[in-house]
Amino acid sequence: MTISISIARAAQTHPNHVAIRHLGADITWAQEADRVARLAGGLRALGLRAGDRLAILSANVPENMEITYAAIWAGIVIVPLNTRLAGPEIDDILRRSGSRFLAFDQRNAARAGALTTPLDGMVALEPGTDQPAATEFARLLASDPLAMFDAEADDLLGIYYTGGTTGTPKGVELTQNAFHIASLNVSIGIEV
C-alpha cells in the first residue's frame, strides 16, 4: 500500500466523507483525489518527473498537504523544509537534496524569493505571494488529472532533514514502504 493508493481507496470507499475541513470549507475524499491527480498533472506539466525533488517550505495549510500528496502521486520525491530554518540552511538543503522546484506558502514567500540556490521553478501555494516568477497553485489545479505513478515499496518517497543539533542537518531517506509502516504504527496508537 502506498499513500496514493490510500487516497484513491478513501475516494472509492468514502467519497462523501470529509478529507479536509479548513476555515469553514469542506473537501470530500472524492474531491481530494481529483484535486491531487490534477495537481500531479500540473507538476508534470512544469517538467517534474518521477524521482525529481520538490522542496516544500510551508506552514500547516491545506495546500501543503495537497501538493505533498500530488508530488507522491506523480512519483516526485518530497523534501519538506523546516520553516524555522534560516535562508542559508534552506539553500544548503536545496543544493544537497538536488531539489528542482520549491513550493511555498504566503507566510514564507519573502524567504523563498531571497534564496540563492538555482531552481527550475517555484510554486506559490497561496494567492498574494508577490512572487511573479512562481507558478500559482490554482494553475496547477486546472491541469488534466495524472494517472497514479506505479510506486514500488522501495521507491524513495521523501528526504526529511534532521534537526542538525550536532552539525548540519542530515537527509533521511524514507521509502514508500517505510512511510506506510510509520503511518500504520501511528494509526494503531490512535483510539477511536
N, C-alpha and C. Protein backbone atom coordinates (compact mmCIF):
# COMPACT_ATOMS: atom_id res chain seq x y z
N MET A 1 0.86 -1.19 0.00
CA MET A 1 0.00 0.00 0.00
C MET A 1 0.89 1.23 0.00
N THR A 2 0.50 2.21 -0.79
CA THR A 2 1.21 3.49 -0.82
C THR A 2 0.25 4.59 -0.38
N ILE A 3 0.81 5.77 -0.13
CA ILE A 3 -0.02 6.92 0.24
C ILE A 3 -1.05 7.19 -0.86
N SER A 4 -0.61 7.14 -2.11
CA SER A 4 -1.51 7.41 -3.24
C SER A 4 -2.65 6.40 -3.31
N ILE A 5 -2.34 5.15 -3.09
CA ILE A 5 -3.39 4.13 -3.11
C ILE A 5 -4.38 4.38 -1.97
N SER A 6 -3.88 4.80 -0.82
CA SER A 6 -4.79 5.06 0.31
C SER A 6 -5.73 6.24 -0.01
N ILE A 7 -5.26 7.24 -0.74
CA ILE A 7 -6.13 8.36 -1.14
C ILE A 7 -7.18 7.87 -2.13
N ALA A 8 -6.75 7.11 -3.12
CA ALA A 8 -7.69 6.58 -4.11
C ALA A 8 -8.71 5.65 -3.44
N ARG A 9 -8.26 4.86 -2.49
CA ARG A 9 -9.16 3.95 -1.79
C ARG A 9 -10.19 4.72 -0.95
N ALA A 10 -9.74 5.76 -0.26
CA ALA A 10 -10.66 6.59 0.52
C ALA A 10 -11.71 7.23 -0.39
N ALA A 11 -11.30 7.64 -1.58
CA ALA A 11 -12.24 8.24 -2.54
C ALA A 11 -13.25 7.21 -3.03
N GLN A 12 -12.86 5.94 -3.11
CA GLN A 12 -13.77 4.88 -3.55
C GLN A 12 -14.70 4.43 -2.44
N THR A 13 -14.15 4.26 -1.23
CA THR A 13 -14.95 3.70 -0.14
C THR A 13 -15.74 4.74 0.64
N HIS A 14 -15.24 5.97 0.70
CA HIS A 14 -15.90 7.03 1.46
C HIS A 14 -15.88 8.34 0.66
N PRO A 15 -16.43 8.34 -0.54
CA PRO A 15 -16.30 9.51 -1.41
C PRO A 15 -16.86 10.80 -0.82
N ASN A 16 -17.89 10.71 0.00
CA ASN A 16 -18.54 11.90 0.54
C ASN A 16 -18.09 12.27 1.95
N HIS A 17 -17.16 11.50 2.51
CA HIS A 17 -16.62 11.85 3.83
C HIS A 17 -15.64 13.00 3.68
N VAL A 18 -15.51 13.79 4.71
CA VAL A 18 -14.65 14.97 4.67
C VAL A 18 -13.18 14.55 4.78
N ALA A 19 -12.38 14.99 3.81
CA ALA A 19 -10.94 14.77 3.83
C ALA A 19 -10.24 15.97 4.47
N ILE A 20 -10.71 17.18 4.13
CA ILE A 20 -10.12 18.41 4.66
C ILE A 20 -11.24 19.34 5.08
N ARG A 21 -11.13 19.85 6.28
CA ARG A 21 -12.03 20.90 6.77
C ARG A 21 -11.14 22.05 7.20
N HIS A 22 -11.33 23.20 6.54
CA HIS A 22 -10.47 24.35 6.83
C HIS A 22 -11.24 25.64 6.64
N LEU A 23 -11.27 26.46 7.67
CA LEU A 23 -11.92 27.77 7.64
C LEU A 23 -13.35 27.69 7.10
N GLY A 24 -14.09 26.69 7.57
CA GLY A 24 -15.49 26.56 7.21
C GLY A 24 -15.76 25.90 5.88
N ALA A 25 -14.74 25.47 5.17
CA ALA A 25 -14.93 24.79 3.87
C ALA A 25 -14.52 23.33 4.00
N ASP A 26 -15.29 22.47 3.37
CA ASP A 26 -15.01 21.04 3.38
C ASP A 26 -14.63 20.56 1.99
N ILE A 27 -13.68 19.62 1.93
CA ILE A 27 -13.34 18.93 0.70
C ILE A 27 -13.51 17.44 0.99
N THR A 28 -14.30 16.76 0.17
CA THR A 28 -14.54 15.34 0.38
C THR A 28 -13.37 14.53 -0.18
N TRP A 29 -13.36 13.23 0.14
CA TRP A 29 -12.30 12.37 -0.37
C TRP A 29 -12.37 12.25 -1.88
N ALA A 30 -13.58 12.21 -2.46
CA ALA A 30 -13.69 12.17 -3.92
C ALA A 30 -13.10 13.43 -4.54
N GLN A 31 -13.41 14.57 -3.96
CA GLN A 31 -12.86 15.83 -4.45
C GLN A 31 -11.34 15.88 -4.25
N GLU A 32 -10.89 15.41 -3.10
CA GLU A 32 -9.46 15.44 -2.80
C GLU A 32 -8.67 14.58 -3.78
N ALA A 33 -9.15 13.39 -4.07
CA ALA A 33 -8.45 12.52 -5.02
C ALA A 33 -8.36 13.19 -6.39
N ASP A 34 -9.44 13.86 -6.82
CA ASP A 34 -9.43 14.57 -8.09
C ASP A 34 -8.43 15.72 -8.05
N ARG A 35 -8.45 16.49 -6.97
CA ARG A 35 -7.53 17.63 -6.83
C ARG A 35 -6.07 17.16 -6.85
N VAL A 36 -5.78 16.09 -6.14
CA VAL A 36 -4.42 15.56 -6.08
C VAL A 36 -3.97 15.12 -7.47
N ALA A 37 -4.82 14.41 -8.21
CA ALA A 37 -4.47 13.95 -9.56
C ALA A 37 -4.25 15.14 -10.50
N ARG A 38 -5.05 16.20 -10.35
CA ARG A 38 -4.88 17.40 -11.19
C ARG A 38 -3.59 18.15 -10.82
N LEU A 39 -3.34 18.29 -9.53
CA LEU A 39 -2.09 18.93 -9.10
C LEU A 39 -0.88 18.13 -9.58
N ALA A 40 -0.97 16.81 -9.53
CA ALA A 40 0.11 15.96 -10.02
C ALA A 40 0.32 16.19 -11.51
N GLY A 41 -0.77 16.31 -12.26
CA GLY A 41 -0.66 16.63 -13.69
C GLY A 41 0.00 17.98 -13.90
N GLY A 42 -0.32 18.95 -13.04
CA GLY A 42 0.29 20.26 -13.13
C GLY A 42 1.78 20.22 -12.84
N LEU A 43 2.17 19.43 -11.85
CA LEU A 43 3.60 19.30 -11.54
C LEU A 43 4.35 18.67 -12.70
N ARG A 44 3.75 17.67 -13.33
CA ARG A 44 4.37 17.06 -14.51
C ARG A 44 4.47 18.05 -15.66
N ALA A 45 3.43 18.89 -15.83
CA ALA A 45 3.44 19.90 -16.89
C ALA A 45 4.56 20.92 -16.68
N LEU A 46 4.97 21.14 -15.42
CA LEU A 46 6.08 22.04 -15.13
C LEU A 46 7.43 21.42 -15.50
N GLY A 47 7.43 20.12 -15.75
CA GLY A 47 8.66 19.43 -16.12
C GLY A 47 9.20 18.49 -15.06
N LEU A 48 8.52 18.39 -13.92
CA LEU A 48 8.95 17.46 -12.88
C LEU A 48 8.60 16.03 -13.28
N ARG A 49 9.53 15.14 -13.09
CA ARG A 49 9.35 13.73 -13.42
C ARG A 49 9.54 12.87 -12.19
N ALA A 50 9.15 11.61 -12.29
CA ALA A 50 9.33 10.68 -11.18
C ALA A 50 10.80 10.66 -10.78
N GLY A 51 11.04 10.77 -9.47
CA GLY A 51 12.40 10.78 -8.93
C GLY A 51 12.97 12.17 -8.74
N ASP A 52 12.39 13.20 -9.40
CA ASP A 52 12.83 14.57 -9.17
C ASP A 52 12.45 14.99 -7.76
N ARG A 53 13.11 16.04 -7.25
CA ARG A 53 12.85 16.52 -5.89
C ARG A 53 12.05 17.82 -5.90
N LEU A 54 11.02 17.87 -5.07
CA LEU A 54 10.22 19.07 -4.85
C LEU A 54 10.34 19.44 -3.37
N ALA A 55 10.98 20.56 -3.08
CA ALA A 55 11.09 21.05 -1.70
C ALA A 55 9.82 21.82 -1.36
N ILE A 56 9.39 21.73 -0.11
CA ILE A 56 8.17 22.39 0.34
C ILE A 56 8.48 23.19 1.60
N LEU A 57 8.28 24.51 1.49
CA LEU A 57 8.50 25.45 2.59
C LEU A 57 7.16 26.07 2.92
N SER A 58 6.45 25.47 3.87
CA SER A 58 5.09 25.90 4.13
C SER A 58 4.65 25.53 5.54
N ALA A 59 3.79 26.39 6.09
CA ALA A 59 3.12 26.08 7.35
C ALA A 59 2.06 25.01 7.09
N ASN A 60 1.35 24.66 8.11
CA ASN A 60 0.32 23.63 8.03
C ASN A 60 -0.96 24.21 7.42
N VAL A 61 -0.96 24.32 6.09
CA VAL A 61 -2.14 24.78 5.35
C VAL A 61 -2.59 23.65 4.44
N PRO A 62 -3.86 23.61 4.05
CA PRO A 62 -4.34 22.51 3.20
C PRO A 62 -3.54 22.34 1.91
N GLU A 63 -3.10 23.44 1.32
CA GLU A 63 -2.34 23.36 0.07
C GLU A 63 -1.02 22.62 0.25
N ASN A 64 -0.44 22.71 1.44
CA ASN A 64 0.78 21.97 1.74
C ASN A 64 0.50 20.48 1.66
N MET A 65 -0.56 20.04 2.31
CA MET A 65 -0.91 18.63 2.26
C MET A 65 -1.21 18.18 0.84
N GLU A 66 -1.93 19.01 0.10
CA GLU A 66 -2.32 18.63 -1.26
C GLU A 66 -1.13 18.57 -2.21
N ILE A 67 -0.20 19.52 -2.11
CA ILE A 67 0.98 19.47 -3.00
C ILE A 67 1.87 18.29 -2.63
N THR A 68 1.90 17.96 -1.34
CA THR A 68 2.66 16.79 -0.89
C THR A 68 2.06 15.52 -1.48
N TYR A 69 0.75 15.35 -1.32
CA TYR A 69 0.07 14.18 -1.90
C TYR A 69 0.24 14.13 -3.41
N ALA A 70 0.16 15.29 -4.07
CA ALA A 70 0.27 15.35 -5.53
C ALA A 70 1.66 14.92 -6.00
N ALA A 71 2.68 15.40 -5.30
CA ALA A 71 4.04 15.01 -5.66
C ALA A 71 4.21 13.49 -5.52
N ILE A 72 3.74 12.95 -4.42
CA ILE A 72 3.84 11.50 -4.21
C ILE A 72 3.05 10.76 -5.28
N TRP A 73 1.86 11.27 -5.62
CA TRP A 73 1.01 10.68 -6.67
C TRP A 73 1.77 10.60 -8.00
N ALA A 74 2.60 11.62 -8.27
CA ALA A 74 3.35 11.69 -9.53
C ALA A 74 4.71 11.00 -9.45
N GLY A 75 5.06 10.44 -8.29
CA GLY A 75 6.36 9.78 -8.13
C GLY A 75 7.50 10.75 -7.86
N ILE A 76 7.15 11.99 -7.54
CA ILE A 76 8.14 13.02 -7.24
C ILE A 76 8.53 12.90 -5.77
N VAL A 77 9.81 13.03 -5.48
CA VAL A 77 10.32 12.91 -4.11
C VAL A 77 10.12 14.25 -3.40
N ILE A 78 9.48 14.21 -2.23
CA ILE A 78 9.25 15.43 -1.46
C ILE A 78 10.42 15.71 -0.53
N VAL A 79 10.69 17.00 -0.34
CA VAL A 79 11.73 17.44 0.59
C VAL A 79 11.08 18.50 1.48
N PRO A 80 10.40 18.07 2.56
CA PRO A 80 9.78 19.05 3.46
C PRO A 80 10.85 19.85 4.19
N LEU A 81 10.67 21.17 4.24
CA LEU A 81 11.63 22.04 4.89
C LEU A 81 11.06 22.59 6.18
N ASN A 82 11.89 22.65 7.19
CA ASN A 82 11.50 23.23 8.47
C ASN A 82 11.39 24.75 8.28
N THR A 83 10.24 25.31 8.57
CA THR A 83 10.02 26.74 8.36
C THR A 83 10.80 27.60 9.34
N ARG A 84 11.44 27.00 10.33
CA ARG A 84 12.24 27.76 11.29
C ARG A 84 13.70 27.91 10.86
N LEU A 85 14.07 27.24 9.78
CA LEU A 85 15.46 27.33 9.32
C LEU A 85 15.75 28.70 8.72
N ALA A 86 17.00 29.10 8.82
CA ALA A 86 17.45 30.35 8.20
C ALA A 86 17.68 30.12 6.71
N GLY A 87 17.70 31.20 5.94
CA GLY A 87 17.89 31.12 4.50
C GLY A 87 19.10 30.31 4.07
N PRO A 88 20.29 30.55 4.65
CA PRO A 88 21.46 29.76 4.25
C PRO A 88 21.29 28.26 4.51
N GLU A 89 20.59 27.90 5.59
CA GLU A 89 20.34 26.48 5.88
C GLU A 89 19.41 25.88 4.83
N ILE A 90 18.39 26.64 4.44
CA ILE A 90 17.47 26.16 3.40
C ILE A 90 18.21 26.01 2.08
N ASP A 91 19.02 27.01 1.72
CA ASP A 91 19.81 26.92 0.49
C ASP A 91 20.68 25.67 0.49
N ASP A 92 21.31 25.38 1.63
CA ASP A 92 22.17 24.19 1.73
C ASP A 92 21.37 22.92 1.49
N ILE A 93 20.19 22.83 2.09
CA ILE A 93 19.36 21.63 1.92
C ILE A 93 18.88 21.53 0.47
N LEU A 94 18.50 22.64 -0.13
CA LEU A 94 18.07 22.62 -1.53
C LEU A 94 19.18 22.08 -2.42
N ARG A 95 20.40 22.54 -2.19
CA ARG A 95 21.54 22.07 -3.00
C ARG A 95 21.81 20.60 -2.77
N ARG A 96 21.91 20.22 -1.49
CA ARG A 96 22.28 18.83 -1.18
C ARG A 96 21.20 17.83 -1.58
N SER A 97 19.95 18.24 -1.53
CA SER A 97 18.87 17.31 -1.89
C SER A 97 18.67 17.23 -3.40
N GLY A 98 19.21 18.20 -4.13
CA GLY A 98 19.01 18.21 -5.58
C GLY A 98 17.61 18.67 -5.97
N SER A 99 16.98 19.46 -5.10
CA SER A 99 15.61 19.93 -5.37
C SER A 99 15.59 20.77 -6.64
N ARG A 100 14.63 20.48 -7.52
CA ARG A 100 14.47 21.25 -8.76
C ARG A 100 13.48 22.38 -8.60
N PHE A 101 12.47 22.19 -7.76
CA PHE A 101 11.41 23.18 -7.55
C PHE A 101 11.20 23.38 -6.06
N LEU A 102 10.63 24.54 -5.72
CA LEU A 102 10.29 24.86 -4.35
C LEU A 102 8.84 25.32 -4.32
N ALA A 103 8.03 24.70 -3.47
CA ALA A 103 6.66 25.15 -3.22
C ALA A 103 6.67 25.89 -1.89
N PHE A 104 5.97 27.02 -1.82
CA PHE A 104 5.97 27.82 -0.59
C PHE A 104 4.60 28.45 -0.37
N ASP A 105 4.31 28.76 0.89
CA ASP A 105 3.05 29.42 1.22
C ASP A 105 3.28 30.92 1.35
N GLN A 106 2.20 31.65 1.59
CA GLN A 106 2.27 33.11 1.66
C GLN A 106 3.20 33.58 2.78
N ARG A 107 3.15 32.89 3.91
CA ARG A 107 3.97 33.24 5.07
C ARG A 107 5.47 33.17 4.78
N ASN A 108 5.85 32.30 3.85
CA ASN A 108 7.27 32.08 3.55
C ASN A 108 7.68 32.60 2.17
N ALA A 109 6.84 33.42 1.56
CA ALA A 109 7.10 33.91 0.20
C ALA A 109 8.36 34.77 0.13
N ALA A 110 8.53 35.68 1.06
CA ALA A 110 9.70 36.56 1.03
C ALA A 110 10.98 35.74 1.20
N ARG A 111 10.95 34.78 2.09
CA ARG A 111 12.13 33.91 2.30
C ARG A 111 12.43 33.10 1.05
N ALA A 112 11.38 32.59 0.40
CA ALA A 112 11.57 31.82 -0.83
C ALA A 112 12.21 32.68 -1.90
N GLY A 113 11.77 33.91 -2.02
CA GLY A 113 12.30 34.82 -3.02
C GLY A 113 13.74 35.23 -2.75
N ALA A 114 14.19 35.14 -1.51
CA ALA A 114 15.55 35.55 -1.15
C ALA A 114 16.57 34.41 -1.25
N LEU A 115 16.11 33.19 -1.53
CA LEU A 115 17.03 32.06 -1.61
C LEU A 115 17.94 32.21 -2.82
N THR A 116 19.16 31.69 -2.72
CA THR A 116 20.14 31.86 -3.80
C THR A 116 20.37 30.60 -4.62
N THR A 117 19.87 29.47 -4.17
CA THR A 117 20.07 28.22 -4.89
C THR A 117 19.31 28.26 -6.22
N PRO A 118 19.99 27.96 -7.33
CA PRO A 118 19.29 27.93 -8.62
C PRO A 118 18.25 26.81 -8.63
N LEU A 119 17.03 27.16 -9.01
CA LEU A 119 15.94 26.20 -9.12
C LEU A 119 15.34 26.29 -10.52
N ASP A 120 14.67 25.24 -10.94
CA ASP A 120 13.97 25.28 -12.22
C ASP A 120 12.67 26.05 -12.12
N GLY A 121 12.15 26.19 -10.92
CA GLY A 121 10.92 26.94 -10.74
C GLY A 121 10.42 26.89 -9.32
N MET A 122 9.36 27.68 -9.08
CA MET A 122 8.72 27.72 -7.77
C MET A 122 7.21 27.64 -7.95
N VAL A 123 6.53 27.19 -6.89
CA VAL A 123 5.08 27.10 -6.87
C VAL A 123 4.57 27.87 -5.66
N ALA A 124 3.71 28.85 -5.90
CA ALA A 124 3.08 29.62 -4.82
C ALA A 124 1.81 28.88 -4.41
N LEU A 125 1.80 28.37 -3.19
CA LEU A 125 0.67 27.57 -2.72
C LEU A 125 -0.57 28.40 -2.41
N GLU A 126 -0.38 29.69 -2.15
CA GLU A 126 -1.50 30.56 -1.81
C GLU A 126 -1.42 31.82 -2.67
N PRO A 127 -2.54 32.46 -2.94
CA PRO A 127 -2.51 33.70 -3.72
C PRO A 127 -1.90 34.85 -2.92
N GLY A 128 -1.45 35.86 -3.63
CA GLY A 128 -0.95 37.06 -2.98
C GLY A 128 0.45 36.95 -2.43
N THR A 129 1.30 36.12 -3.04
CA THR A 129 2.65 35.93 -2.52
C THR A 129 3.66 36.92 -3.06
N ASP A 130 3.29 37.71 -4.04
CA ASP A 130 4.20 38.71 -4.63
C ASP A 130 5.48 38.07 -5.18
N GLN A 131 5.37 36.88 -5.70
CA GLN A 131 6.49 36.22 -6.38
C GLN A 131 6.04 35.93 -7.81
N PRO A 132 6.21 36.90 -8.74
CA PRO A 132 5.68 36.76 -10.09
C PRO A 132 6.25 35.59 -10.87
N ALA A 133 7.45 35.14 -10.52
CA ALA A 133 8.06 34.03 -11.26
C ALA A 133 7.48 32.68 -10.84
N ALA A 134 6.74 32.64 -9.75
CA ALA A 134 6.20 31.37 -9.25
C ALA A 134 4.92 31.00 -9.98
N THR A 135 4.75 29.72 -10.21
CA THR A 135 3.51 29.20 -10.78
C THR A 135 2.48 29.14 -9.66
N GLU A 136 1.29 29.60 -9.93
CA GLU A 136 0.25 29.61 -8.91
C GLU A 136 -0.40 28.24 -8.77
N PHE A 137 -0.72 27.91 -7.54
CA PHE A 137 -1.38 26.65 -7.17
C PHE A 137 -2.63 26.43 -8.02
N ALA A 138 -3.43 27.50 -8.19
CA ALA A 138 -4.68 27.39 -8.96
C ALA A 138 -4.41 26.96 -10.40
N ARG A 139 -3.29 27.39 -10.96
CA ARG A 139 -2.96 26.97 -12.34
C ARG A 139 -2.68 25.47 -12.39
N LEU A 140 -1.95 24.96 -11.39
CA LEU A 140 -1.69 23.53 -11.33
C LEU A 140 -2.99 22.75 -11.17
N LEU A 141 -3.88 23.29 -10.35
CA LEU A 141 -5.16 22.63 -10.07
C LEU A 141 -6.05 22.56 -11.31
N ALA A 142 -5.83 23.44 -12.28
CA ALA A 142 -6.61 23.45 -13.52
C ALA A 142 -6.08 22.46 -14.55
N SER A 143 -5.05 21.71 -14.22
CA SER A 143 -4.43 20.77 -15.15
C SER A 143 -5.29 19.51 -15.32
N ASP A 144 -4.99 18.76 -16.38
CA ASP A 144 -5.63 17.46 -16.57
C ASP A 144 -5.10 16.51 -15.50
N PRO A 145 -5.97 15.61 -15.01
CA PRO A 145 -5.51 14.67 -13.98
C PRO A 145 -4.45 13.71 -14.52
N LEU A 146 -3.53 13.36 -13.66
CA LEU A 146 -2.46 12.42 -13.98
C LEU A 146 -2.79 11.07 -13.38
N ALA A 147 -2.56 10.00 -14.13
CA ALA A 147 -2.72 8.66 -13.57
C ALA A 147 -1.69 8.46 -12.47
N MET A 148 -2.06 7.74 -11.45
CA MET A 148 -1.18 7.50 -10.31
C MET A 148 0.09 6.77 -10.75
N PHE A 149 1.23 7.28 -10.28
CA PHE A 149 2.52 6.63 -10.52
C PHE A 149 2.51 5.27 -9.84
N ASP A 150 3.00 4.26 -10.54
CA ASP A 150 3.03 2.90 -10.00
C ASP A 150 4.28 2.73 -9.15
N ALA A 151 4.19 3.18 -7.90
CA ALA A 151 5.34 3.15 -7.00
C ALA A 151 5.58 1.75 -6.45
N GLU A 152 6.86 1.44 -6.30
CA GLU A 152 7.28 0.20 -5.67
C GLU A 152 7.56 0.48 -4.19
N ALA A 153 7.53 -0.54 -3.36
CA ALA A 153 7.74 -0.38 -1.92
C ALA A 153 9.08 0.28 -1.60
N ASP A 154 10.11 0.02 -2.39
CA ASP A 154 11.44 0.56 -2.10
C ASP A 154 11.72 1.88 -2.81
N ASP A 155 10.74 2.43 -3.53
CA ASP A 155 10.93 3.74 -4.17
C ASP A 155 11.01 4.83 -3.11
N LEU A 156 11.86 5.80 -3.37
CA LEU A 156 12.03 6.92 -2.46
C LEU A 156 10.79 7.80 -2.46
N LEU A 157 10.23 8.07 -1.28
CA LEU A 157 9.06 8.95 -1.13
C LEU A 157 9.50 10.36 -0.74
N GLY A 158 10.45 10.46 0.19
CA GLY A 158 10.85 11.78 0.65
C GLY A 158 12.20 11.78 1.32
N ILE A 159 12.77 12.99 1.40
CA ILE A 159 14.02 13.18 2.13
C ILE A 159 13.70 14.17 3.24
N TYR A 160 13.80 13.71 4.46
CA TYR A 160 13.48 14.52 5.64
C TYR A 160 14.78 14.87 6.33
N TYR A 161 14.99 16.16 6.57
CA TYR A 161 16.24 16.61 7.17
C TYR A 161 16.12 16.69 8.68
N THR A 162 17.16 16.18 9.36
CA THR A 162 17.20 16.15 10.82
C THR A 162 17.38 17.55 11.37
N GLY A 163 17.29 17.67 12.68
CA GLY A 163 17.41 18.97 13.33
C GLY A 163 18.79 19.58 13.28
N GLY A 164 19.81 18.80 13.03
CA GLY A 164 21.16 19.33 12.92
C GLY A 164 21.76 19.78 14.24
N THR A 165 21.37 19.13 15.35
CA THR A 165 21.86 19.56 16.66
C THR A 165 23.35 19.29 16.84
N THR A 166 23.91 18.35 16.09
CA THR A 166 25.34 18.05 16.21
C THR A 166 26.08 18.41 14.93
N GLY A 167 25.54 19.32 14.16
CA GLY A 167 26.16 19.73 12.90
C GLY A 167 25.07 20.12 11.93
N THR A 168 25.37 20.06 10.66
CA THR A 168 24.36 20.42 9.66
C THR A 168 23.31 19.32 9.57
N PRO A 169 22.07 19.68 9.21
CA PRO A 169 21.03 18.66 9.09
C PRO A 169 21.41 17.58 8.08
N LYS A 170 21.04 16.37 8.39
CA LYS A 170 21.33 15.22 7.52
C LYS A 170 20.02 14.78 6.86
N GLY A 171 20.08 14.42 5.61
CA GLY A 171 18.91 13.95 4.88
C GLY A 171 18.62 12.49 5.18
N VAL A 172 17.42 12.23 5.68
CA VAL A 172 16.98 10.86 5.97
C VAL A 172 16.02 10.46 4.86
N GLU A 173 16.38 9.43 4.11
CA GLU A 173 15.55 8.98 3.00
C GLU A 173 14.50 7.99 3.50
N LEU A 174 13.24 8.30 3.18
CA LEU A 174 12.14 7.40 3.53
C LEU A 174 11.55 6.83 2.25
N THR A 175 11.41 5.52 2.22
CA THR A 175 10.80 4.85 1.07
C THR A 175 9.28 4.83 1.22
N GLN A 176 8.61 4.44 0.17
CA GLN A 176 7.15 4.28 0.22
C GLN A 176 6.77 3.34 1.37
N ASN A 177 7.46 2.22 1.46
CA ASN A 177 7.14 1.22 2.48
C ASN A 177 7.41 1.73 3.89
N ALA A 178 8.52 2.42 4.09
CA ALA A 178 8.86 2.95 5.42
C ALA A 178 7.80 3.95 5.88
N PHE A 179 7.34 4.80 4.96
CA PHE A 179 6.32 5.79 5.29
C PHE A 179 5.00 5.09 5.62
N HIS A 180 4.66 4.05 4.85
CA HIS A 180 3.42 3.30 5.08
C HIS A 180 3.46 2.63 6.45
N ILE A 181 4.56 2.01 6.79
CA ILE A 181 4.68 1.32 8.09
C ILE A 181 4.60 2.34 9.23
N ALA A 182 5.25 3.48 9.07
CA ALA A 182 5.18 4.53 10.10
C ALA A 182 3.73 5.00 10.27
N SER A 183 3.01 5.14 9.18
CA SER A 183 1.59 5.55 9.25
C SER A 183 0.76 4.50 9.98
N LEU A 184 1.02 3.24 9.71
CA LEU A 184 0.29 2.17 10.40
C LEU A 184 0.58 2.20 11.89
N ASN A 185 1.84 2.42 12.25
CA ASN A 185 2.19 2.48 13.66
C ASN A 185 1.45 3.61 14.37
N VAL A 186 1.32 4.74 13.72
CA VAL A 186 0.60 5.87 14.31
C VAL A 186 -0.88 5.53 14.45
N SER A 187 -1.46 4.95 13.40
CA SER A 187 -2.90 4.65 13.43
C SER A 187 -3.24 3.59 14.47
N ILE A 188 -2.34 2.68 14.74
CA ILE A 188 -2.58 1.65 15.76
C ILE A 188 -2.68 2.30 17.14
N GLY A 189 -1.90 3.35 17.35
CA GLY A 189 -1.89 4.01 18.64
C GLY A 189 -3.03 4.98 18.86
N ILE A 190 -3.81 5.25 17.82
CA ILE A 190 -4.92 6.20 17.95
C ILE A 190 -6.17 5.46 18.41
N GLU A 191 -6.76 5.95 19.47
CA GLU A 191 -8.01 5.35 19.95
C GLU A 191 -9.17 6.00 19.23
N VAL A 192 -10.06 5.19 18.75
CA VAL A 192 -11.23 5.71 18.01
C VAL A 192 -12.40 5.88 18.95
